[in-house]
Amino acid sequence: MKLNKRITQYRLCESLSLRNTEQIFESNIASKLNGILAMEGNLIIDELTIFLKTQEMSKQTKLACEEIIEELKVEKA
């Protein structure tokens, strides 16, 4: 499974209302998500699922994360 990290970062930046990818490190949630997305295949799915259940975030960010999980599941199949 290969995640297009650049597209994923842009999607997350947009959902977190960050103006550019450099600001991703200024957001605690974005930093955590960036760490999760740096993991390998199944770990991303597992950790992102846990993260969604334990962290408060905007609906838009949640939706972006859910879409990433679904894309990874499709790639895995």
PDB file of N, CA and C in Angstrom:
ATOM      1  N   MET A   1       0.839  -1.176   0.000  1.00  0.00           N
ATOM      2  CA  MET A   1       0.000   0.000   0.000  1.00  0.00           C
ATOM      3  C   MET A   1       0.881   1.234   0.000  1.00  0.00           C
ATOM      4  N   LYS A   2       0.653   2.105  -0.937  1.00  0.00           N
ATOM      5  CA  LYS A   2       1.419   3.346  -0.989  1.00  0.00           C
ATOM      6  C   LYS A   2       0.457   4.519  -0.911  1.00  0.00           C
ATOM      7  N   LEU A   3       0.654   5.335   0.103  1.00  0.00           N
ATOM      8  CA  LEU A   3      -0.196   6.500   0.319  1.00  0.00           C
ATOM      9  C   LEU A   3       0.478   7.702  -0.321  1.00  0.00           C
ATOM     10  N   ASN A   4      -0.267   8.441  -1.126  1.00  0.00           N
ATOM     11  CA  ASN A   4       0.277   9.649  -1.732  1.00  0.00           C
ATOM     12  C   ASN A   4       0.312  10.721  -0.652  1.00  0.00           C
ATOM     13  N   LYS A   5       1.478  10.852  -0.013  1.00  0.00           N
ATOM     14  CA  LYS A   5       1.611  11.724   1.150  1.00  0.00           C
ATOM     15  C   LYS A   5       1.371  13.190   0.836  1.00  0.00           C
ATOM     16  N   ARG A   6       1.768  13.646  -0.331  1.00  0.00           N
ATOM     17  CA  ARG A   6       1.571  15.056  -0.682  1.00  0.00           C
ATOM     18  C   ARG A   6       0.081  15.384  -0.769  1.00  0.00           C
ATOM     19  N   ILE A   7      -0.685  14.538  -1.460  1.00  0.00           N
ATOM     20  CA  ILE A   7      -2.131  14.760  -1.577  1.00  0.00           C
ATOM     21  C   ILE A   7      -2.780  14.667  -0.202  1.00  0.00           C
ATOM     22  N   THR A   8      -2.354  13.704   0.596  1.00  0.00           N
ATOM     23  CA  THR A   8      -2.898  13.528   1.934  1.00  0.00           C
ATOM     24  C   THR A   8      -2.620  14.750   2.796  1.00  0.00           C
ATOM     25  N   GLN A   9      -1.398  15.284   2.728  1.00  0.00           N
ATOM     26  CA  GLN A   9      -1.067  16.479   3.513  1.00  0.00           C
ATOM     27  C   GLN A   9      -1.926  17.658   3.092  1.00  0.00           C
ATOM     28  N   TYR A  10      -2.113  17.850   1.798  1.00  0.00           N
ATOM     29  CA  TYR A  10      -2.953  18.957   1.338  1.00  0.00           C
ATOM     30  C   TYR A  10      -4.381  18.799   1.828  1.00  0.00           C
ATOM     31  N   ARG A  11      -4.889  17.578   1.773  1.00  0.00           N
ATOM     32  CA  ARG A  11      -6.260  17.317   2.220  1.00  0.00           C
ATOM     33  C   ARG A  11      -6.398  17.640   3.710  1.00  0.00           C
ATOM     34  N   LEU A  12      -5.422  17.202   4.509  1.00  0.00           N
ATOM     35  CA  LEU A  12      -5.471  17.466   5.938  1.00  0.00           C
ATOM     36  C   LEU A  12      -5.302  18.949   6.237  1.00  0.00           C
ATOM     37  N   CYS A  13      -4.409  19.624   5.517  1.00  0.00           N
ATOM     38  CA  CYS A  13      -4.228  21.065   5.708  1.00  0.00           C
ATOM     39  C   CYS A  13      -5.533  21.802   5.461  1.00  0.00           C
ATOM     40  N   GLU A  14      -6.196  21.428   4.394  1.00  0.00           N
ATOM     41  CA  GLU A  14      -7.469  22.069   4.054  1.00  0.00           C
ATOM     42  C   GLU A  14      -8.504  21.828   5.145  1.00  0.00           C
ATOM     43  N   SER A  15      -8.588  20.604   5.629  1.00  0.00           N
ATOM     44  CA  SER A  15      -9.590  20.275   6.637  1.00  0.00           C
ATOM     45  C   SER A  15      -9.297  20.934   7.977  1.00  0.00           C
ATOM     46  N   LEU A  16      -8.025  21.244   8.237  1.00  0.00           N
ATOM     47  CA  LEU A  16      -7.641  21.901   9.489  1.00  0.00           C
ATOM     48  C   LEU A  16      -7.544  23.412   9.332  1.00  0.00           C
ATOM     49  N   SER A  17      -7.934  23.910   8.176  1.00  0.00           N
ATOM     50  CA  SER A  17      -7.897  25.343   7.872  1.00  0.00           C
ATOM     51  C   SER A  17      -6.487  25.918   7.958  1.00  0.00           C
ATOM     52  N   LEU A  18      -5.519  25.126   7.526  1.00  0.00           N
ATOM     53  CA  LEU A  18      -4.138  25.598   7.477  1.00  0.00           C
ATOM     54  C   LEU A  18      -3.870  26.128   6.079  1.00  0.00           C
ATOM     55  N   ARG A  19      -3.141  27.233   5.990  1.00  0.00           N
ATOM     56  CA  ARG A  19      -2.926  27.876   4.698  1.00  0.00           C
ATOM     57  C   ARG A  19      -1.957  27.131   3.794  1.00  0.00           C
ATOM     58  N   ASN A  20      -1.006  26.419   4.358  1.00  0.00           N
ATOM     59  CA  ASN A  20      -0.053  25.683   3.529  1.00  0.00           C
ATOM     60  C   ASN A  20       0.530  24.519   4.317  1.00  0.00           C
ATOM     61  N   THR A  21       1.274  23.658   3.640  1.00  0.00           N
ATOM     62  CA  THR A  21       1.790  22.458   4.298  1.00  0.00           C
ATOM     63  C   THR A  21       2.825  22.779   5.364  1.00  0.00           C
ATOM     64  N   GLU A  22       3.496  23.931   5.295  1.00  0.00           N
ATOM     65  CA  GLU A  22       4.447  24.298   6.334  1.00  0.00           C
ATOM     66  C   GLU A  22       3.748  24.487   7.679  1.00  0.00           C
ATOM     67  N   GLN A  23       2.515  24.949   7.649  1.00  0.00           N
ATOM     68  CA  GLN A  23       1.779  25.175   8.884  1.00  0.00           C
ATOM     69  C   GLN A  23       1.286  23.881   9.520  1.00  0.00           C
ATOM     70  N   ILE A  24       1.432  22.766   8.824  1.00  0.00           N
ATOM     71  CA  ILE A  24       0.952  21.499   9.372  1.00  0.00           C
ATOM     72  C   ILE A  24       1.640  21.203  10.701  1.00  0.00           C
ATOM     73  N   PHE A  25       2.864  21.643  10.868  1.00  0.00           N
ATOM     74  CA  PHE A  25       3.601  21.372  12.097  1.00  0.00           C
ATOM     75  C   PHE A  25       3.168  22.292  13.230  1.00  0.00           C
ATOM     76  N   GLU A  26       2.431  23.342  12.933  1.00  0.00           N
ATOM     77  CA  GLU A  26       1.962  24.267  13.948  1.00  0.00           C
ATOM     78  C   GLU A  26       0.684  23.767  14.622  1.00  0.00           C
ATOM     79  N   SER A  27       0.113  22.767  14.094  1.00  0.00           N
ATOM     80  CA  SER A  27      -1.117  22.225  14.640  1.00  0.00           C
ATOM     81  C   SER A  27      -0.820  20.893  15.330  1.00  0.00           C
ATOM     82  N   ASN A  28      -1.228  20.767  16.569  1.00  0.00           N
ATOM     83  CA  ASN A  28      -1.002  19.541  17.326  1.00  0.00           C
ATOM     84  C   ASN A  28      -1.676  18.351  16.658  1.00  0.00           C
ATOM     85  N   ILE A  29      -2.909  18.521  16.247  1.00  0.00           N
ATOM     86  CA  ILE A  29      -3.625  17.429  15.575  1.00  0.00           C
ATOM     87  C   ILE A  29      -2.915  17.063  14.286  1.00  0.00           C
ATOM     88  N   ALA A  30      -2.526  18.064  13.524  1.00  0.00           N
ATOM     89  CA  ALA A  30      -1.856  17.804  12.258  1.00  0.00           C
ATOM     90  C   ALA A  30      -0.537  17.073  12.480  1.00  0.00           C
ATOM     91  N   SER A  31       0.177  17.431  13.522  1.00  0.00           N
ATOM     92  CA  SER A  31       1.441  16.754  13.819  1.00  0.00           C
ATOM     93  C   SER A  31       1.211  15.281  14.151  1.00  0.00           C
ATOM     94  N   LYS A  32       0.186  15.024  14.939  1.00  0.00           N
ATOM     95  CA  LYS A  32      -0.142  13.630  15.270  1.00  0.00           C
ATOM     96  C   LYS A  32      -0.547  12.855  14.014  1.00  0.00           C
ATOM     97  N   LEU A  33      -1.380  13.482  13.179  1.00  0.00           N
ATOM     98  CA  LEU A  33      -1.809  12.822  11.950  1.00  0.00           C
ATOM     99  C   LEU A  33      -0.631  12.573  11.022  1.00  0.00           C
ATOM    100  N   ASN A  34       0.269  13.519  10.934  1.00  0.00           N
ATOM    101  CA  ASN A  34       1.438  13.364  10.097  1.00  0.00           C
ATOM    102  C   ASN A  34       2.274  12.165  10.557  1.00  0.00           C
ATOM    103  N   GLY A  35       2.400  12.004  11.871  1.00  0.00           N
ATOM    104  CA  GLY A  35       3.125  10.850  12.415  1.00  0.00           C
ATOM    105  C   GLY A  35       2.449   9.536  12.072  1.00  0.00           C
ATOM    106  N   ILE A  36       1.133   9.511  12.165  1.00  0.00           N
ATOM    107  CA  ILE A  36       0.381   8.299  11.820  1.00  0.00           C
ATOM    108  C   ILE A  36       0.556   7.977  10.341  1.00  0.00           C
ATOM    109  N   LEU A  37       0.473   8.987   9.496  1.00  0.00           N
ATOM    110  CA  LEU A  37       0.576   8.757   8.052  1.00  0.00           C
ATOM    111  C   LEU A  37       1.974   8.347   7.616  1.00  0.00           C
ATOM    112  N   ALA A  38       2.959   8.531   8.475  1.00  0.00           N
ATOM    113  CA  ALA A  38       4.330   8.103   8.157  1.00  0.00           C
ATOM    114  C   ALA A  38       4.537   6.613   8.439  1.00  0.00           C
ATOM    115  N   MET A  39       3.551   5.983   9.063  1.00  0.00           N
ATOM    116  CA  MET A  39       3.648   4.558   9.396  1.00  0.00           C
ATOM    117  C   MET A  39       3.422   3.708   8.147  1.00  0.00           C
ATOM    118  N   GLU A  40       3.510   2.418   8.330  1.00  0.00           N
ATOM    119  CA  GLU A  40       3.314   1.474   7.237  1.00  0.00           C
ATOM    120  C   GLU A  40       1.858   1.016   7.157  1.00  0.00           C
ATOM    121  N   GLY A  41       1.410   0.730   5.952  1.00  0.00           N
ATOM    122  CA  GLY A  41       0.108   0.190   5.593  1.00  0.00           C
ATOM    123  C   GLY A  41      -0.946  -0.021   6.663  1.00  0.00           C
ATOM    124  N   ASN A  42      -1.004  -1.236   7.225  1.00  0.00           N
ATOM    125  CA  ASN A  42      -2.055  -1.575   8.182  1.00  0.00           C
ATOM    126  C   ASN A  42      -1.981  -0.740   9.447  1.00  0.00           C
ATOM    127  N   LEU A  43      -0.770  -0.350   9.843  1.00  0.00           N
ATOM    128  CA  LEU A  43      -0.630   0.486  11.030  1.00  0.00           C
ATOM    129  C   LEU A  43      -1.343   1.824  10.843  1.00  0.00           C
ATOM    130  N   ILE A  44      -1.284   2.365   9.633  1.00  0.00           N
ATOM    131  CA  ILE A  44      -1.972   3.627   9.361  1.00  0.00           C
ATOM    132  C   ILE A  44      -3.464   3.459   9.602  1.00  0.00           C
ATOM    133  N   ILE A  45      -4.035   2.410   9.052  1.00  0.00           N
ATOM    134  CA  ILE A  45      -5.475   2.157   9.204  1.00  0.00           C
ATOM    135  C   ILE A  45      -5.824   2.009  10.677  1.00  0.00           C
ATOM    136  N   ASP A  46      -5.065   1.181  11.403  1.00  0.00           N
ATOM    137  CA  ASP A  46      -5.357   0.924  12.814  1.00  0.00           C
ATOM    138  C   ASP A  46      -5.218   2.190  13.661  1.00  0.00           C
ATOM    139  N   GLU A  47      -4.096   2.878  13.513  1.00  0.00           N
ATOM    140  CA  GLU A  47      -3.837   4.065  14.332  1.00  0.00           C
ATOM    141  C   GLU A  47      -4.773   5.220  13.992  1.00  0.00           C
ATOM    142  N   LEU A  48      -5.087   5.384  12.712  1.00  0.00           N
ATOM    143  CA  LEU A  48      -6.000   6.446  12.304  1.00  0.00           C
ATOM    144  C   LEU A  48      -7.411   6.181  12.829  1.00  0.00           C
ATOM    145  N   THR A  49      -7.820   4.937  12.842  1.00  0.00           N
ATOM    146  CA  THR A  49      -9.125   4.558  13.383  1.00  0.00           C
ATOM    147  C   THR A  49      -9.191   4.875  14.879  1.00  0.00           C
ATOM    148  N   ILE A  50      -8.145   4.524  15.615  1.00  0.00           N
ATOM    149  CA  ILE A  50      -8.086   4.832  17.049  1.00  0.00           C
ATOM    150  C   ILE A  50      -8.091   6.341  17.266  1.00  0.00           C
ATOM    151  N   PHE A  51      -7.305   7.043  16.470  1.00  0.00           N
ATOM    152  CA  PHE A  51      -7.203   8.495  16.582  1.00  0.00           C
ATOM    153  C   PHE A  51      -8.567   9.158  16.395  1.00  0.00           C
ATOM    154  N   LEU A  52      -9.323   8.681  15.421  1.00  0.00           N
ATOM    155  CA  LEU A  52     -10.663   9.242  15.168  1.00  0.00           C
ATOM    156  C   LEU A  52     -11.594   9.057  16.367  1.00  0.00           C
ATOM    157  N   LYS A  53     -11.418   7.958  17.078  1.00  0.00           N
ATOM    158  CA  LYS A  53     -12.283   7.664  18.220  1.00  0.00           C
ATOM    159  C   LYS A  53     -11.873   8.434  19.476  1.00  0.00           C
ATOM    160  N   THR A  54     -10.609   8.846  19.563  1.00  0.00           N
ATOM    161  CA  THR A  54     -10.109   9.430  20.800  1.00  0.00           C
ATOM    162  C   THR A  54      -9.848  10.933  20.745  1.00  0.00           C
ATOM    163  N   GLN A  55      -9.822  11.529  19.562  1.00  0.00           N
ATOM    164  CA  GLN A  55      -9.507  12.952  19.427  1.00  0.00           C
ATOM    165  C   GLN A  55     -10.715  13.746  18.956  1.00  0.00           C
ATOM    166  N   GLU A  56     -10.839  14.943  19.489  1.00  0.00           N
ATOM    167  CA  GLU A  56     -11.869  15.855  18.996  1.00  0.00           C
ATOM    168  C   GLU A  56     -11.289  16.647  17.836  1.00  0.00           C
ATOM    169  N   MET A  57     -12.050  16.734  16.751  1.00  0.00           N
ATOM    170  CA  MET A  57     -11.611  17.472  15.575  1.00  0.00           C
ATOM    171  C   MET A  57     -12.836  17.881  14.772  1.00  0.00           C
ATOM    172  N   SER A  58     -12.616  18.754  13.817  1.00  0.00           N
ATOM    173  CA  SER A  58     -13.736  19.227  13.001  1.00  0.00           C
ATOM    174  C   SER A  58     -14.315  18.079  12.166  1.00  0.00           C
ATOM    175  N   LYS A  59     -15.555  18.257  11.754  1.00  0.00           N
ATOM    176  CA  LYS A  59     -16.198  17.252  10.892  1.00  0.00           C
ATOM    177  C   LYS A  59     -15.429  17.080   9.593  1.00  0.00           C
ATOM    178  N   GLN A  60     -14.905  18.188   9.073  1.00  0.00           N
ATOM    179  CA  GLN A  60     -14.164  18.141   7.812  1.00  0.00           C
ATOM    180  C   GLN A  60     -12.883  17.315   7.957  1.00  0.00           C
ATOM    181  N   THR A  61     -12.192  17.472   9.081  1.00  0.00           N
ATOM    182  CA  THR A  61     -10.974  16.696   9.329  1.00  0.00           C
ATOM    183  C   THR A  61     -11.314  15.230   9.511  1.00  0.00           C
ATOM    184  N   LYS A  62     -12.381  14.959  10.256  1.00  0.00           N
ATOM    185  CA  LYS A  62     -12.824  13.577  10.449  1.00  0.00           C
ATOM    186  C   LYS A  62     -13.151  12.924   9.111  1.00  0.00           C
ATOM    187  N   LEU A  63     -13.856  13.651   8.264  1.00  0.00           N
ATOM    188  CA  LEU A  63     -14.221  13.130   6.946  1.00  0.00           C
ATOM    189  C   LEU A  63     -12.968  12.837   6.116  1.00  0.00           C
ATOM    190  N   ALA A  64     -11.987  13.735   6.143  1.00  0.00           N
ATOM    191  CA  ALA A  64     -10.740  13.519   5.398  1.00  0.00           C
ATOM    192  C   ALA A  64     -10.037  12.259   5.895  1.00  0.00           C
ATOM    193  N   CYS A  65     -10.006  12.072   7.208  1.00  0.00           N
ATOM    194  CA  CYS A  65      -9.371  10.876   7.779  1.00  0.00           C
ATOM    195  C   CYS A  65     -10.133   9.610   7.391  1.00  0.00           C
ATOM    196  N   GLU A  66     -11.442   9.665   7.447  1.00  0.00           N
ATOM    197  CA  GLU A  66     -12.249   8.510   7.059  1.00  0.00           C
ATOM    198  C   GLU A  66     -12.034   8.158   5.595  1.00  0.00           C
ATOM    199  N   GLU A  67     -11.907   9.164   4.742  1.00  0.00           N
ATOM    200  CA  GLU A  67     -11.646   8.922   3.320  1.00  0.00           C
ATOM    201  C   GLU A  67     -10.278   8.270   3.121  1.00  0.00           C
ATOM    202  N   ILE A  68      -9.295   8.698   3.881  1.00  0.00           N
ATOM    203  CA  ILE A  68      -7.957   8.102   3.789  1.00  0.00           C
ATOM    204  C   ILE A  68      -8.016   6.632   4.195  1.00  0.00           C
ATOM    205  N   ILE A  69      -8.724   6.338   5.269  1.00  0.00           N
ATOM    206  CA  ILE A  69      -8.867   4.952   5.716  1.00  0.00           C
ATOM    207  C   ILE A  69      -9.515   4.109   4.623  1.00  0.00           C
ATOM    208  N   GLU A  70     -10.586   4.603   4.041  1.00  0.00           N
ATOM    209  CA  GLU A  70     -11.275   3.862   2.979  1.00  0.00           C
ATOM    210  C   GLU A  70     -10.371   3.638   1.763  1.00  0.00           C
ATOM    211  N   GLU A  71      -9.606   4.660   1.373  1.00  0.00           N
ATOM    212  CA  GLU A  71      -8.682   4.520   0.238  1.00  0.00           C
ATOM    213  C   GLU A  71      -7.635   3.454   0.528  1.00  0.00           C
ATOM    214  N   LEU A  72      -7.116   3.431   1.741  1.00  0.00           N
ATOM    215  CA  LEU A  72      -6.112   2.429   2.103  1.00  0.00           C
ATOM    216  C   LEU A  72      -6.704   1.026   2.111  1.00  0.00           C
ATOM    217  N   LYS A  73      -7.944   0.904   2.570  1.00  0.00           N
ATOM    218  CA  LYS A  73      -8.598  -0.409   2.576  1.00  0.00           C
ATOM    219  C   LYS A  73      -8.804  -0.919   1.153  1.00  0.00           C
ATOM    220  N   VAL A  74      -9.165  -0.022   0.237  1.00  0.00           N
ATOM    221  CA  VAL A  74      -9.363  -0.403  -1.162  1.00  0.00           C
ATOM    222  C   VAL A  74      -8.029  -0.829  -1.769  1.00  0.00           C
ATOM    223  N   GLU A  75      -6.965  -0.085  -1.492  1.00  0.00           N
ATOM    224  CA  GLU A  75      -5.635  -0.429  -2.018  1.00  0.00           C
ATOM    225  C   GLU A  75      -5.184  -1.776  -1.480  1.00  0.00           C
ATOM    226  N   LYS A  76      -5.532  -2.050  -0.228  1.00  0.00           N
ATOM    227  CA  LYS A  76      -5.117  -3.286   0.422  1.00  0.00           C
ATOM    228  C   LYS A  76      -5.823  -4.501  -0.167  1.00  0.00           C
ATOM    229  N   ALA A  77      -7.062  -4.317  -0.597  1.00  0.00           N
ATOM    230  CA  ALA A  77      -7.879  -5.433  -1.093  1.00  0.00           C
ATOM    231  C   ALA A  77      -7.367  -5.984  -2.403  1.00  0.00           C
TER     232      ALA A  77
END
